Amino acid sequence: MKRAIFLSLALCSITGTAHAVPGGMLQTLPKGPWTCEIPGDATAVPVPKPELSFITVPDSSYIAPDGVRGSYLLLADRLTLTSGTFNGRRFLMDGSALMRELGEGDQQTGIRCVQAGPVLLPTPG
């Protein structure tokens, strides 16, 4: 009898409701190039930073300008590049096509990256 009660309680705990993942819902970025820059304003044009730009590809991965592939983790509105050339870079998403880089203490660094469009693959032939 005790065993049946224990098994019943164990089964209830396994089939109970799922709890939210710490850090928020796991997501992926739109695929394609992301152009990084120092934003402009009414008196100054944006300053491109191609050395900080990257291309997102399938499998939660990105390719840096040096051709090295890395991975990323996007939880809710927080993006962390977790391997590759940009390992450790962190961003705050501002919508689905704009991110702002975060530095120490989650302060914005002044760099933003904007989705530049889809990846265009060459056609065979």
PDB file of N, CA and C in Angstrom:
ATOM      1  N   MET A   1       0.824  -1.187   0.000  1.00  0.00           N
ATOM      2  CA  MET A   1       0.000   0.000   0.000  1.00  0.00           C
ATOM      3  C   MET A   1       0.872   1.256   0.000  1.00  0.00           C
ATOM      4  N   LYS A   2       1.902   1.289   0.895  1.00  0.00           N
ATOM      5  CA  LYS A   2       2.793   2.444   0.941  1.00  0.00           C
ATOM      6  C   LYS A   2       3.503   2.640  -0.394  1.00  0.00           C
ATOM      7  N   ARG A   3       3.874   1.537  -1.017  1.00  0.00           N
ATOM      8  CA  ARG A   3       4.566   1.618  -2.301  1.00  0.00           C
ATOM      9  C   ARG A   3       3.646   2.214  -3.364  1.00  0.00           C
ATOM     10  N   ALA A   4       2.383   1.832  -3.367  1.00  0.00           N
ATOM     11  CA  ALA A   4       1.424   2.354  -4.339  1.00  0.00           C
ATOM     12  C   ALA A   4       1.234   3.856  -4.141  1.00  0.00           C
ATOM     13  N   ILE A   5       1.186   4.306  -2.905  1.00  0.00           N
ATOM     14  CA  ILE A   5       1.033   5.741  -2.625  1.00  0.00           C
ATOM     15  C   ILE A   5       2.282   6.488  -3.084  1.00  0.00           C
ATOM     16  N   PHE A   6       3.461   5.930  -2.784  1.00  0.00           N
ATOM     17  CA  PHE A   6       4.714   6.557  -3.205  1.00  0.00           C
ATOM     18  C   PHE A   6       4.778   6.676  -4.720  1.00  0.00           C
ATOM     19  N   LEU A   7       4.438   5.591  -5.440  1.00  0.00           N
ATOM     20  CA  LEU A   7       4.463   5.613  -6.898  1.00  0.00           C
ATOM     21  C   LEU A   7       3.460   6.621  -7.451  1.00  0.00           C
ATOM     22  N   SER A   8       2.302   6.693  -6.815  1.00  0.00           N
ATOM     23  CA  SER A   8       1.285   7.651  -7.253  1.00  0.00           C
ATOM     24  C   SER A   8       1.774   9.080  -7.074  1.00  0.00           C
ATOM     25  N   LEU A   9       2.409   9.397  -5.941  1.00  0.00           N
ATOM     26  CA  LEU A   9       2.961  10.723  -5.701  1.00  0.00           C
ATOM     27  C   LEU A   9       4.095  11.033  -6.665  1.00  0.00           C
ATOM     28  N   ALA A  10       4.959  10.056  -6.920  1.00  0.00           N
ATOM     29  CA  ALA A  10       6.064  10.254  -7.855  1.00  0.00           C
ATOM     30  C   ALA A  10       5.536  10.534  -9.257  1.00  0.00           C
ATOM     31  N   LEU A  11       4.511   9.802  -9.678  1.00  0.00           N
ATOM     32  CA  LEU A  11       3.922  10.010 -10.990  1.00  0.00           C
ATOM     33  C   LEU A  11       3.292  11.395 -11.099  1.00  0.00           C
ATOM     34  N   CYS A  12       2.636  11.837 -10.041  1.00  0.00           N
ATOM     35  CA  CYS A  12       2.043  13.180 -10.040  1.00  0.00           C
ATOM     36  C   CYS A  12       3.118  14.249 -10.186  1.00  0.00           C
ATOM     37  N   SER A  13       4.246  14.062  -9.531  1.00  0.00           N
ATOM     38  CA  SER A  13       5.299  15.076  -9.623  1.00  0.00           C
ATOM     39  C   SER A  13       5.931  15.093 -11.009  1.00  0.00           C
ATOM     40  N   ILE A  14       5.985  13.955 -11.684  1.00  0.00           N
ATOM     41  CA  ILE A  14       6.554  13.888 -13.028  1.00  0.00           C
ATOM     42  C   ILE A  14       5.619  14.523 -14.043  1.00  0.00           C
ATOM     43  N   THR A  15       4.318  14.294 -13.895  1.00  0.00           N
ATOM     44  CA  THR A  15       3.359  14.781 -14.883  1.00  0.00           C
ATOM     45  C   THR A  15       2.760  16.130 -14.517  1.00  0.00           C
ATOM     46  N   GLY A  16       3.283  16.776 -13.496  1.00  0.00           N
ATOM     47  CA  GLY A  16       2.776  18.088 -13.087  1.00  0.00           C
ATOM     48  C   GLY A  16       3.046  19.148 -14.139  1.00  0.00           C
ATOM     49  N   THR A  17       2.572  20.341 -13.896  1.00  0.00           N
ATOM     50  CA  THR A  17       2.745  21.412 -14.869  1.00  0.00           C
ATOM     51  C   THR A  17       4.208  21.814 -14.969  1.00  0.00           C
ATOM     52  N   ALA A  18       4.603  22.207 -16.175  1.00  0.00           N
ATOM     53  CA  ALA A  18       5.981  22.644 -16.416  1.00  0.00           C
ATOM     54  C   ALA A  18       6.158  24.060 -15.897  1.00  0.00           C
ATOM     55  N   HIS A  19       7.302  24.337 -15.382  1.00  0.00           N
ATOM     56  CA  HIS A  19       7.614  25.676 -14.884  1.00  0.00           C
ATOM     57  C   HIS A  19       8.430  26.422 -15.930  1.00  0.00           C
ATOM     58  N   ALA A  20       8.400  27.725 -15.856  1.00  0.00           N
ATOM     59  CA  ALA A  20       9.162  28.550 -16.795  1.00  0.00           C
ATOM     60  C   ALA A  20      10.657  28.276 -16.651  1.00  0.00           C
ATOM     61  N   VAL A  21      11.361  28.362 -17.750  1.00  0.00           N
ATOM     62  CA  VAL A  21      12.804  28.175 -17.761  1.00  0.00           C
ATOM     63  C   VAL A  21      13.449  29.426 -17.164  1.00  0.00           C
ATOM     64  N   PRO A  22      14.397  29.285 -16.237  1.00  0.00           N
ATOM     65  CA  PRO A  22      15.077  30.477 -15.729  1.00  0.00           C
ATOM     66  C   PRO A  22      15.725  31.243 -16.879  1.00  0.00           C
ATOM     67  N   GLY A  23      15.508  32.531 -16.938  1.00  0.00           N
ATOM     68  CA  GLY A  23      16.077  33.340 -18.008  1.00  0.00           C
ATOM     69  C   GLY A  23      15.108  33.611 -19.132  1.00  0.00           C
ATOM     70  N   GLY A  24      14.007  32.888 -19.184  1.00  0.00           N
ATOM     71  CA  GLY A  24      13.006  33.145 -20.210  1.00  0.00           C
ATOM     72  C   GLY A  24      12.945  32.066 -21.266  1.00  0.00           C
ATOM     73  N   MET A  25      12.060  32.271 -22.227  1.00  0.00           N
ATOM     74  CA  MET A  25      11.815  31.289 -23.275  1.00  0.00           C
ATOM     75  C   MET A  25      12.988  31.214 -24.261  1.00  0.00           C
ATOM     76  N   LEU A  26      13.383  29.999 -24.598  1.00  0.00           N
ATOM     77  CA  LEU A  26      14.463  29.754 -25.552  1.00  0.00           C
ATOM     78  C   LEU A  26      13.978  30.111 -26.949  1.00  0.00           C
ATOM     79  N   GLN A  27      14.778  30.895 -27.683  1.00  0.00           N
ATOM     80  CA  GLN A  27      14.403  31.345 -29.011  1.00  0.00           C
ATOM     81  C   GLN A  27      15.608  31.266 -29.944  1.00  0.00           C
ATOM     82  N   THR A  28      15.375  31.556 -31.226  1.00  0.00           N
ATOM     83  CA  THR A  28      16.461  31.675 -32.196  1.00  0.00           C
ATOM     84  C   THR A  28      16.328  33.008 -32.919  1.00  0.00           C
ATOM     85  N   LEU A  29      17.428  33.461 -33.477  1.00  0.00           N
ATOM     86  CA  LEU A  29      17.446  34.709 -34.238  1.00  0.00           C
ATOM     87  C   LEU A  29      17.021  34.456 -35.678  1.00  0.00           C
ATOM     88  N   PRO A  30      16.481  35.480 -36.340  1.00  0.00           N
ATOM     89  CA  PRO A  30      16.256  35.352 -37.781  1.00  0.00           C
ATOM     90  C   PRO A  30      17.591  35.093 -38.479  1.00  0.00           C
ATOM     91  N   LYS A  31      17.579  34.267 -39.497  1.00  0.00           N
ATOM     92  CA  LYS A  31      18.812  33.935 -40.220  1.00  0.00           C
ATOM     93  C   LYS A  31      19.216  35.077 -41.138  1.00  0.00           C
ATOM     94  N   GLY A  32      20.511  35.258 -41.299  1.00  0.00           N
ATOM     95  CA  GLY A  32      21.020  36.254 -42.230  1.00  0.00           C
ATOM     96  C   GLY A  32      22.026  37.183 -41.595  1.00  0.00           C
ATOM     97  N   PRO A  33      22.471  38.181 -42.366  1.00  0.00           N
ATOM     98  CA  PRO A  33      23.509  39.093 -41.885  1.00  0.00           C
ATOM     99  C   PRO A  33      22.990  40.079 -40.844  1.00  0.00           C
ATOM    100  N   TRP A  34      23.836  40.368 -39.876  1.00  0.00           N
ATOM    101  CA  TRP A  34      23.600  41.384 -38.855  1.00  0.00           C
ATOM    102  C   TRP A  34      24.731  42.401 -38.974  1.00  0.00           C
ATOM    103  N   THR A  35      24.376  43.645 -39.236  1.00  0.00           N
ATOM    104  CA  THR A  35      25.339  44.721 -39.401  1.00  0.00           C
ATOM    105  C   THR A  35      25.464  45.478 -38.088  1.00  0.00           C
ATOM    106  N   CYS A  36      26.681  45.567 -37.572  1.00  0.00           N
ATOM    107  CA  CYS A  36      26.904  46.276 -36.308  1.00  0.00           C
ATOM    108  C   CYS A  36      27.453  47.669 -36.584  1.00  0.00           C
ATOM    109  N   GLU A  37      27.084  48.617 -35.722  1.00  0.00           N
ATOM    110  CA  GLU A  37      27.465  50.005 -35.925  1.00  0.00           C
ATOM    111  C   GLU A  37      27.333  50.783 -34.634  1.00  0.00           C
ATOM    112  N   ILE A  38      27.965  51.960 -34.622  1.00  0.00           N
ATOM    113  CA  ILE A  38      27.694  52.945 -33.580  1.00  0.00           C
ATOM    114  C   ILE A  38      26.584  53.816 -34.153  1.00  0.00           C
ATOM    115  N   PRO A  39      25.418  53.858 -33.501  1.00  0.00           N
ATOM    116  CA  PRO A  39      24.291  54.580 -34.092  1.00  0.00           C
ATOM    117  C   PRO A  39      24.575  56.062 -34.285  1.00  0.00           C
ATOM    118  N   GLY A  40      23.951  56.618 -35.289  1.00  0.00           N
ATOM    119  CA  GLY A  40      24.029  58.050 -35.522  1.00  0.00           C
ATOM    120  C   GLY A  40      22.864  58.758 -34.850  1.00  0.00           C
ATOM    121  N   ASP A  41      22.786  60.040 -35.109  1.00  0.00           N
ATOM    122  CA  ASP A  41      21.654  60.832 -34.629  1.00  0.00           C
ATOM    123  C   ASP A  41      21.406  61.951 -35.628  1.00  0.00           C
ATOM    124  N   ALA A  42      20.713  62.985 -35.225  1.00  0.00           N
ATOM    125  CA  ALA A  42      20.382  64.068 -36.154  1.00  0.00           C
ATOM    126  C   ALA A  42      21.616  64.810 -36.654  1.00  0.00           C
ATOM    127  N   THR A  43      22.724  64.711 -35.926  1.00  0.00           N
ATOM    128  CA  THR A  43      23.930  65.456 -36.308  1.00  0.00           C
ATOM    129  C   THR A  43      25.069  64.581 -36.824  1.00  0.00           C
ATOM    130  N   ALA A  44      24.921  63.256 -36.730  1.00  0.00           N
ATOM    131  CA  ALA A  44      26.018  62.363 -37.132  1.00  0.00           C
ATOM    132  C   ALA A  44      25.464  61.101 -37.774  1.00  0.00           C
ATOM    133  N   VAL A  45      26.159  60.635 -38.789  1.00  0.00           N
ATOM    134  CA  VAL A  45      25.766  59.386 -39.447  1.00  0.00           C
ATOM    135  C   VAL A  45      26.276  58.195 -38.628  1.00  0.00           C
ATOM    136  N   PRO A  46      25.633  57.020 -38.757  1.00  0.00           N
ATOM    137  CA  PRO A  46      26.131  55.835 -38.056  1.00  0.00           C
ATOM    138  C   PRO A  46      27.547  55.482 -38.518  1.00  0.00           C
ATOM    139  N   VAL A  47      28.334  54.897 -37.607  1.00  0.00           N
ATOM    140  CA  VAL A  47      29.697  54.467 -37.925  1.00  0.00           C
ATOM    141  C   VAL A  47      29.692  52.946 -38.033  1.00  0.00           C
ATOM    142  N   PRO A  48      29.838  52.400 -39.257  1.00  0.00           N
ATOM    143  CA  PRO A  48      29.829  50.939 -39.424  1.00  0.00           C
ATOM    144  C   PRO A  48      30.988  50.277 -38.669  1.00  0.00           C
ATOM    145  N   LYS A  49      30.724  49.111 -38.120  1.00  0.00           N
ATOM    146  CA  LYS A  49      31.731  48.293 -37.440  1.00  0.00           C
ATOM    147  C   LYS A  49      31.702  46.886 -38.045  1.00  0.00           C
ATOM    148  N   PRO A  50      32.164  46.734 -39.299  1.00  0.00           N
ATOM    149  CA  PRO A  50      32.075  45.426 -39.968  1.00  0.00           C
ATOM    150  C   PRO A  50      32.832  44.329 -39.224  1.00  0.00           C
ATOM    151  N   GLU A  51      33.866  44.687 -38.479  1.00  0.00           N
ATOM    152  CA  GLU A  51      34.624  43.685 -37.728  1.00  0.00           C
ATOM    153  C   GLU A  51      33.814  43.074 -36.581  1.00  0.00           C
ATOM    154  N   LEU A  52      32.700  43.708 -36.214  1.00  0.00           N
ATOM    155  CA  LEU A  52      31.837  43.193 -35.147  1.00  0.00           C
ATOM    156  C   LEU A  52      30.566  42.544 -35.688  1.00  0.00           C
ATOM    157  N   SER A  53      30.356  42.632 -36.993  1.00  0.00           N
ATOM    158  CA  SER A  53      29.151  42.087 -37.627  1.00  0.00           C
ATOM    159  C   SER A  53      29.260  40.568 -37.754  1.00  0.00           C
ATOM    160  N   PHE A  54      28.134  39.924 -38.041  1.00  0.00           N
ATOM    161  CA  PHE A  54      28.116  38.468 -38.167  1.00  0.00           C
ATOM    162  C   PHE A  54      26.902  38.042 -38.975  1.00  0.00           C
ATOM    163  N   ILE A  55      26.869  36.758 -39.322  1.00  0.00           N
ATOM    164  CA  ILE A  55      25.750  36.163 -40.047  1.00  0.00           C
ATOM    165  C   ILE A  55      25.186  35.041 -39.192  1.00  0.00           C
ATOM    166  N   THR A  56      23.864  35.051 -38.966  1.00  0.00           N
ATOM    167  CA  THR A  56      23.251  33.943 -38.235  1.00  0.00           C
ATOM    168  C   THR A  56      22.862  32.857 -39.237  1.00  0.00           C
ATOM    169  N   VAL A  57      23.119  31.622 -38.833  1.00  0.00           N
ATOM    170  CA  VAL A  57      22.864  30.445 -39.660  1.00  0.00           C
ATOM    171  C   VAL A  57      22.085  29.435 -38.810  1.00  0.00           C
ATOM    172  N   PRO A  58      21.594  28.335 -39.421  1.00  0.00           N
ATOM    173  CA  PRO A  58      20.829  27.353 -38.641  1.00  0.00           C
ATOM    174  C   PRO A  58      21.598  26.798 -37.438  1.00  0.00           C
ATOM    175  N   ASP A  59      20.848  26.178 -36.559  1.00  0.00           N
ATOM    176  CA  ASP A  59      21.373  25.499 -35.361  1.00  0.00           C
ATOM    177  C   ASP A  59      21.898  26.476 -34.316  1.00  0.00           C
ATOM    178  N   SER A  60      21.228  27.632 -34.149  1.00  0.00           N
ATOM    179  CA  SER A  60      21.636  28.626 -33.151  1.00  0.00           C
ATOM    180  C   SER A  60      23.123  28.950 -33.282  1.00  0.00           C
ATOM    181  N   SER A  61      23.540  29.199 -34.511  1.00  0.00           N
ATOM    182  CA  SER A  61      24.943  29.467 -34.801  1.00  0.00           C
ATOM    183  C   SER A  61      25.107  30.781 -35.550  1.00  0.00           C
ATOM    184  N   TYR A  62      26.338  31.268 -35.563  1.00  0.00           N
ATOM    185  CA  TYR A  62      26.675  32.478 -36.311  1.00  0.00           C
ATOM    186  C   TYR A  62      28.040  32.283 -36.952  1.00  0.00           C
ATOM    187  N   ILE A  63      28.323  33.103 -37.957  1.00  0.00           N
ATOM    188  CA  ILE A  63      29.639  33.093 -38.596  1.00  0.00           C
ATOM    189  C   ILE A  63      30.193  34.510 -38.489  1.00  0.00           C
ATOM    190  N   ALA A  64      31.385  34.629 -37.906  1.00  0.00           N
ATOM    191  CA  ALA A  64      32.061  35.919 -37.723  1.00  0.00           C
ATOM    192  C   ALA A  64      32.759  36.321 -39.023  1.00  0.00           C
ATOM    193  N   PRO A  65      33.195  37.578 -39.127  1.00  0.00           N
ATOM    194  CA  PRO A  65      33.889  38.026 -40.339  1.00  0.00           C
ATOM    195  C   PRO A  65      35.143  37.212 -40.676  1.00  0.00           C
ATOM    196  N   ASP A  66      35.776  36.595 -39.674  1.00  0.00           N
ATOM    197  CA  ASP A  66      36.969  35.792 -39.934  1.00  0.00           C
ATOM    198  C   ASP A  66      36.633  34.376 -40.413  1.00  0.00           C
ATOM    199  N   GLY A  67      35.315  34.077 -40.584  1.00  0.00           N
ATOM    200  CA  GLY A  67      34.881  32.779 -41.079  1.00  0.00           C
ATOM    201  C   GLY A  67      34.670  31.728 -40.009  1.00  0.00           C
ATOM    202  N   VAL A  68      34.976  32.046 -38.756  1.00  0.00           N
ATOM    203  CA  VAL A  68      34.822  31.087 -37.664  1.00  0.00           C
ATOM    204  C   VAL A  68      33.350  31.012 -37.257  1.00  0.00           C
ATOM    205  N   ARG A  69      32.870  29.779 -37.123  1.00  0.00           N
ATOM    206  CA  ARG A  69      31.491  29.544 -36.711  1.00  0.00           C
ATOM    207  C   ARG A  69      31.422  29.439 -35.194  1.00  0.00           C
ATOM    208  N   GLY A  70      30.407  30.041 -34.612  1.00  0.00           N
ATOM    209  CA  GLY A  70      30.180  29.969 -33.178  1.00  0.00           C
ATOM    210  C   GLY A  70      28.713  29.713 -32.906  1.00  0.00           C
ATOM    211  N   SER A  71      28.367  29.578 -31.642  1.00  0.00           N
ATOM    212  CA  SER A  71      26.969  29.349 -31.280  1.00  0.00           C
ATOM    213  C   SER A  71      26.483  30.478 -30.378  1.00  0.00           C
ATOM    214  N   TYR A  72      25.161  30.558 -30.256  1.00  0.00           N
ATOM    215  CA  TYR A  72      24.562  31.578 -29.402  1.00  0.00           C
ATOM    216  C   TYR A  72      23.402  30.986 -28.617  1.00  0.00           C
ATOM    217  N   LEU A  73      23.015  31.695 -27.566  1.00  0.00           N
ATOM    218  CA  LEU A  73      21.875  31.327 -26.743  1.00  0.00           C
ATOM    219  C   LEU A  73      21.003  32.562 -26.608  1.00  0.00           C
ATOM    220  N   LEU A  74      19.738  32.450 -27.009  1.00  0.00           N
ATOM    221  CA  LEU A  74      18.790  33.558 -26.889  1.00  0.00           C
ATOM    222  C   LEU A  74      17.688  33.134 -25.940  1.00  0.00           C
ATOM    223  N   LEU A  75      17.675  33.735 -24.751  1.00  0.00           N
ATOM    224  CA  LEU A  75      16.641  33.497 -23.751  1.00  0.00           C
ATOM    225  C   LEU A  75      15.878  34.796 -23.555  1.00  0.00           C
ATOM    226  N   ALA A  76      14.591  34.777 -23.900  1.00  0.00           N
ATOM    227  CA  ALA A  76      13.731  35.966 -23.836  1.00  0.00           C
ATOM    228  C   ALA A  76      14.372  37.071 -24.662  1.00  0.00           C
ATOM    229  N   ASP A  77      14.792  38.186 -24.036  1.00  0.00           N
ATOM    230  CA  ASP A  77      15.388  39.297 -24.787  1.00  0.00           C
ATOM    231  C   ASP A  77      16.895  39.413 -24.568  1.00  0.00           C
ATOM    232  N   ARG A  78      17.529  38.362 -24.038  1.00  0.00           N
ATOM    233  CA  ARG A  78      18.972  38.366 -23.785  1.00  0.00           C
ATOM    234  C   ARG A  78      19.684  37.374 -24.694  1.00  0.00           C
ATOM    235  N   LEU A  79      20.637  37.868 -25.461  1.00  0.00           N
ATOM    236  CA  LEU A  79      21.414  37.047 -26.381  1.00  0.00           C
ATOM    237  C   LEU A  79      22.842  36.962 -25.871  1.00  0.00           C
ATOM    238  N   THR A  80      23.390  35.753 -25.826  1.00  0.00           N
ATOM    239  CA  THR A  80      24.792  35.542 -25.464  1.00  0.00           C
ATOM    240  C   THR A  80      25.445  34.706 -26.553  1.00  0.00           C
ATOM    241  N   LEU A  81      26.563  35.186 -27.087  1.00  0.00           N
ATOM    242  CA  LEU A  81      27.351  34.400 -28.027  1.00  0.00           C
ATOM    243  C   LEU A  81      28.227  33.488 -27.179  1.00  0.00           C
ATOM    244  N   THR A  82      28.043  32.178 -27.324  1.00  0.00           N
ATOM    245  CA  THR A  82      28.608  31.228 -26.362  1.00  0.00           C
ATOM    246  C   THR A  82      29.856  30.499 -26.836  1.00  0.00           C
ATOM    247  N   SER A  83      30.228  30.688 -28.103  1.00  0.00           N
ATOM    248  CA  SER A  83      31.484  30.097 -28.589  1.00  0.00           C
ATOM    249  C   SER A  83      31.897  30.841 -29.847  1.00  0.00           C
ATOM    250  N   GLY A  84      33.071  30.506 -30.353  1.00  0.00           N
ATOM    251  CA  GLY A  84      33.554  31.140 -31.571  1.00  0.00           C
ATOM    252  C   GLY A  84      34.264  32.451 -31.299  1.00  0.00           C
ATOM    253  N   THR A  85      34.497  33.209 -32.355  1.00  0.00           N
ATOM    254  CA  THR A  85      35.242  34.465 -32.292  1.00  0.00           C
ATOM    255  C   THR A  85      34.662  35.440 -31.277  1.00  0.00           C
ATOM    256  N   PHE A  86      33.345  35.518 -31.202  1.00  0.00           N
ATOM    257  CA  PHE A  86      32.688  36.501 -30.336  1.00  0.00           C
ATOM    258  C   PHE A  86      32.196  35.900 -29.022  1.00  0.00           C
ATOM    259  N   ASN A  87      32.796  34.798 -28.587  1.00  0.00           N
ATOM    260  CA  ASN A  87      32.407  34.152 -27.338  1.00  0.00           C
ATOM    261  C   ASN A  87      32.350  35.170 -26.196  1.00  0.00           C
ATOM    262  N   GLY A  88      31.208  35.216 -25.519  1.00  0.00           N
ATOM    263  CA  GLY A  88      31.057  36.101 -24.369  1.00  0.00           C
ATOM    264  C   GLY A  88      30.348  37.419 -24.673  1.00  0.00           C
ATOM    265  N   ARG A  89      30.225  37.793 -25.941  1.00  0.00           N
ATOM    266  CA  ARG A  89      29.475  39.018 -26.258  1.00  0.00           C
ATOM    267  C   ARG A  89      28.024  38.825 -25.857  1.00  0.00           C
ATOM    268  N   ARG A  90      27.435  39.874 -25.281  1.00  0.00           N
ATOM    269  CA  ARG A  90      26.051  39.803 -24.820  1.00  0.00           C
ATOM    270  C   ARG A  90      25.261  40.980 -25.382  1.00  0.00           C
ATOM    271  N   PHE A  91      23.982  40.743 -25.628  1.00  0.00           N
ATOM    272  CA  PHE A  91      23.124  41.752 -26.229  1.00  0.00           C
ATOM    273  C   PHE A  91      21.758  41.759 -25.559  1.00  0.00           C
ATOM    274  N   LEU A  92      21.101  42.906 -25.655  1.00  0.00           N
ATOM    275  CA  LEU A  92      19.704  43.056 -25.281  1.00  0.00           C
ATOM    276  C   LEU A  92      18.930  43.239 -26.576  1.00  0.00           C
ATOM    277  N   MET A  93      17.972  42.360 -26.833  1.00  0.00           N
ATOM    278  CA  MET A  93      17.161  42.460 -28.046  1.00  0.00           C
ATOM    279  C   MET A  93      16.192  43.631 -27.901  1.00  0.00           C
ATOM    280  N   ASP A  94      16.052  44.383 -28.975  1.00  0.00           N
ATOM    281  CA  ASP A  94      15.110  45.501 -29.029  1.00  0.00           C
ATOM    282  C   ASP A  94      14.208  45.222 -30.227  1.00  0.00           C
ATOM    283  N   GLY A  95      13.274  44.278 -30.053  1.00  0.00           N
ATOM    284  CA  GLY A  95      12.486  43.767 -31.167  1.00  0.00           C
ATOM    285  C   GLY A  95      13.178  42.548 -31.745  1.00  0.00           C
ATOM    286  N   SER A  96      12.760  42.141 -32.940  1.00  0.00           N
ATOM    287  CA  SER A  96      13.343  40.932 -33.530  1.00  0.00           C
ATOM    288  C   SER A  96      14.479  41.223 -34.505  1.00  0.00           C
ATOM    289  N   ALA A  97      14.695  42.498 -34.859  1.00  0.00           N
ATOM    290  CA  ALA A  97      15.709  42.821 -35.867  1.00  0.00           C
ATOM    291  C   ALA A  97      16.723  43.851 -35.397  1.00  0.00           C
ATOM    292  N   LEU A  98      16.768  44.105 -34.083  1.00  0.00           N
ATOM    293  CA  LEU A  98      17.710  45.086 -33.535  1.00  0.00           C
ATOM    294  C   LEU A  98      18.181  44.600 -32.178  1.00  0.00           C
ATOM    295  N   MET A  99      19.492  44.656 -31.952  1.00  0.00           N
ATOM    296  CA  MET A  99      20.053  44.283 -30.649  1.00  0.00           C
ATOM    297  C   MET A  99      21.085  45.316 -30.227  1.00  0.00           C
ATOM    298  N   ARG A 100      21.192  45.511 -28.924  1.00  0.00           N
ATOM    299  CA  ARG A 100      22.148  46.466 -28.365  1.00  0.00           C
ATOM    300  C   ARG A 100      23.139  45.704 -27.493  1.00  0.00           C
ATOM    301  N   GLU A 101      24.438  45.919 -27.765  1.00  0.00           N
ATOM    302  CA  GLU A 101      25.468  45.178 -27.038  1.00  0.00           C
ATOM    303  C   GLU A 101      25.544  45.639 -25.590  1.00  0.00           C
ATOM    304  N   LEU A 102      25.754  44.655 -24.703  1.00  0.00           N
ATOM    305  CA  LEU A 102      25.883  44.930 -23.272  1.00  0.00           C
ATOM    306  C   LEU A 102      27.317  44.676 -22.824  1.00  0.00           C
ATOM    307  N   GLY A 103      27.797  45.524 -21.944  1.00  0.00           N
ATOM    308  CA  GLY A 103      29.121  45.361 -21.360  1.00  0.00           C
ATOM    309  C   GLY A 103      29.011  45.010 -19.888  1.00  0.00           C
ATOM    310  N   GLU A 104      30.008  45.396 -19.143  1.00  0.00           N
ATOM    311  CA  GLU A 104      30.039  45.144 -17.700  1.00  0.00           C
ATOM    312  C   GLU A 104      28.804  45.741 -17.030  1.00  0.00           C
ATOM    313  N   GLY A 105      28.250  45.003 -16.081  1.00  0.00           N
ATOM    314  CA  GLY A 105      27.104  45.490 -15.332  1.00  0.00           C
ATOM    315  C   GLY A 105      25.862  45.707 -16.182  1.00  0.00           C
ATOM    316  N   ASP A 106      25.780  45.027 -17.309  1.00  0.00           N
ATOM    317  CA  ASP A 106      24.652  45.155 -18.239  1.00  0.00           C
ATOM    318  C   ASP A 106      24.471  46.567 -18.780  1.00  0.00           C
ATOM    319  N   GLN A 107      25.543  47.355 -18.793  1.00  0.00           N
ATOM    320  CA  GLN A 107      25.485  48.695 -19.388  1.00  0.00           C
ATOM    321  C   GLN A 107      25.645  48.567 -20.899  1.00  0.00           C
ATOM    322  N   GLN A 108      24.872  49.346 -21.644  1.00  0.00           N
ATOM    323  CA  GLN A 108      24.998  49.319 -23.096  1.00  0.00           C
ATOM    324  C   GLN A 108      26.334  49.920 -23.514  1.00  0.00           C
ATOM    325  N   THR A 109      26.969  49.279 -24.508  1.00  0.00           N
ATOM    326  CA  THR A 109      28.301  49.707 -24.953  1.00  0.00           C
ATOM    327  C   THR A 109      28.252  50.814 -26.001  1.00  0.00           C
ATOM    328  N   GLY A 110      27.076  51.030 -26.594  1.00  0.00           N
ATOM    329  CA  GLY A 110      26.965  51.996 -27.675  1.00  0.00           C
ATOM    330  C   GLY A 110      26.994  51.346 -29.042  1.00  0.00           C
ATOM    331  N   ILE A 111      27.169  50.017 -29.079  1.00  0.00           N
ATOM    332  CA  ILE A 111      27.134  49.269 -30.341  1.00  0.00           C
ATOM    333  C   ILE A 111      25.739  48.671 -30.505  1.00  0.00           C
ATOM    334  N   ARG A 112      25.191  48.799 -31.708  1.00  0.00           N
ATOM    335  CA  ARG A 112      23.936  48.107 -32.012  1.00  0.00           C
ATOM    336  C   ARG A 112      24.153  47.279 -33.263  1.00  0.00           C
ATOM    337  N   CYS A 113      23.403  46.196 -33.371  1.00  0.00           N
ATOM    338  CA  CYS A 113      23.448  45.345 -34.557  1.00  0.00           C
ATOM    339  C   CYS A 113      22.032  45.228 -35.095  1.00  0.00           C
ATOM    340  N   VAL A 114      21.926  45.390 -36.406  1.00  0.00           N
ATOM    341  CA  VAL A 114      20.639  45.404 -37.078  1.00  0.00           C
ATOM    342  C   VAL A 114      20.612  44.286 -38.107  1.00  0.00           C
ATOM    343  N   GLN A 115      19.492  43.561 -38.171  1.00  0.00           N
ATOM    344  CA  GLN A 115      19.377  42.515 -39.183  1.00  0.00           C
ATOM    345  C   GLN A 115      19.359  43.170 -40.548  1.00  0.00           C
ATOM    346  N   ALA A 116      20.285  42.740 -41.397  1.00  0.00           N
ATOM    347  CA  ALA A 116      20.458  43.377 -42.701  1.00  0.00           C
ATOM    348  C   ALA A 116      19.676  42.691 -43.808  1.00  0.00           C
ATOM    349  N   GLY A 117      19.084  41.538 -43.568  1.00  0.00           N
ATOM    350  CA  GLY A 117      18.316  40.840 -44.586  1.00  0.00           C
ATOM    351  C   GLY A 117      18.645  39.373 -44.608  1.00  0.00           C
ATOM    352  N   PRO A 118      17.979  38.627 -45.474  1.00  0.00           N
ATOM    353  CA  PRO A 118      18.194  37.186 -45.531  1.00  0.00           C
ATOM    354  C   PRO A 118      19.525  36.828 -46.188  1.00  0.00           C
ATOM    355  N   VAL A 119      19.980  35.617 -45.894  1.00  0.00           N
ATOM    356  CA  VAL A 119      21.184  35.098 -46.543  1.00  0.00           C
ATOM    357  C   VAL A 119      20.817  34.742 -47.976  1.00  0.00           C
ATOM    358  N   LEU A 120      21.573  35.241 -48.931  1.00  0.00           N
ATOM    359  CA  LEU A 120      21.339  34.915 -50.334  1.00  0.00           C
ATOM    360  C   LEU A 120      22.378  33.880 -50.758  1.00  0.00           C
ATOM    361  N   LEU A 121      21.903  32.682 -51.047  1.00  0.00           N
ATOM    362  CA  LEU A 121      22.788  31.600 -51.452  1.00  0.00           C
ATOM    363  C   LEU A 121      22.903  31.583 -52.976  1.00  0.00           C
ATOM    364  N   PRO A 122      24.087  31.279 -53.492  1.00  0.00           N
ATOM    365  CA  PRO A 122      24.239  31.228 -54.952  1.00  0.00           C
ATOM    366  C   PRO A 122      23.418  30.078 -55.515  1.00  0.00           C
ATOM    367  N   THR A 123      22.873  30.281 -56.694  1.00  0.00           N
ATOM    368  CA  THR A 123      22.116  29.222 -57.353  1.00  0.00           C
ATOM    369  C   THR A 123      23.062  28.378 -58.200  1.00  0.00           C
ATOM    370  N   PRO A 124      22.837  27.053 -58.201  1.00  0.00           N
ATOM    371  CA  PRO A 124      23.708  26.174 -58.988  1.00  0.00           C
ATOM    372  C   PRO A 124      23.518  26.442 -60.488  1.00  0.00           C
ATOM    373  N   GLY A 125      24.597  26.310 -61.222  1.00  0.00           N
ATOM    374  CA  GLY A 125      24.440  26.394 -62.665  1.00  0.00           C
ATOM    375  C   GLY A 125      25.339  27.273 -63.307  1.00  0.00           C
TER     376      GLY A 125
END
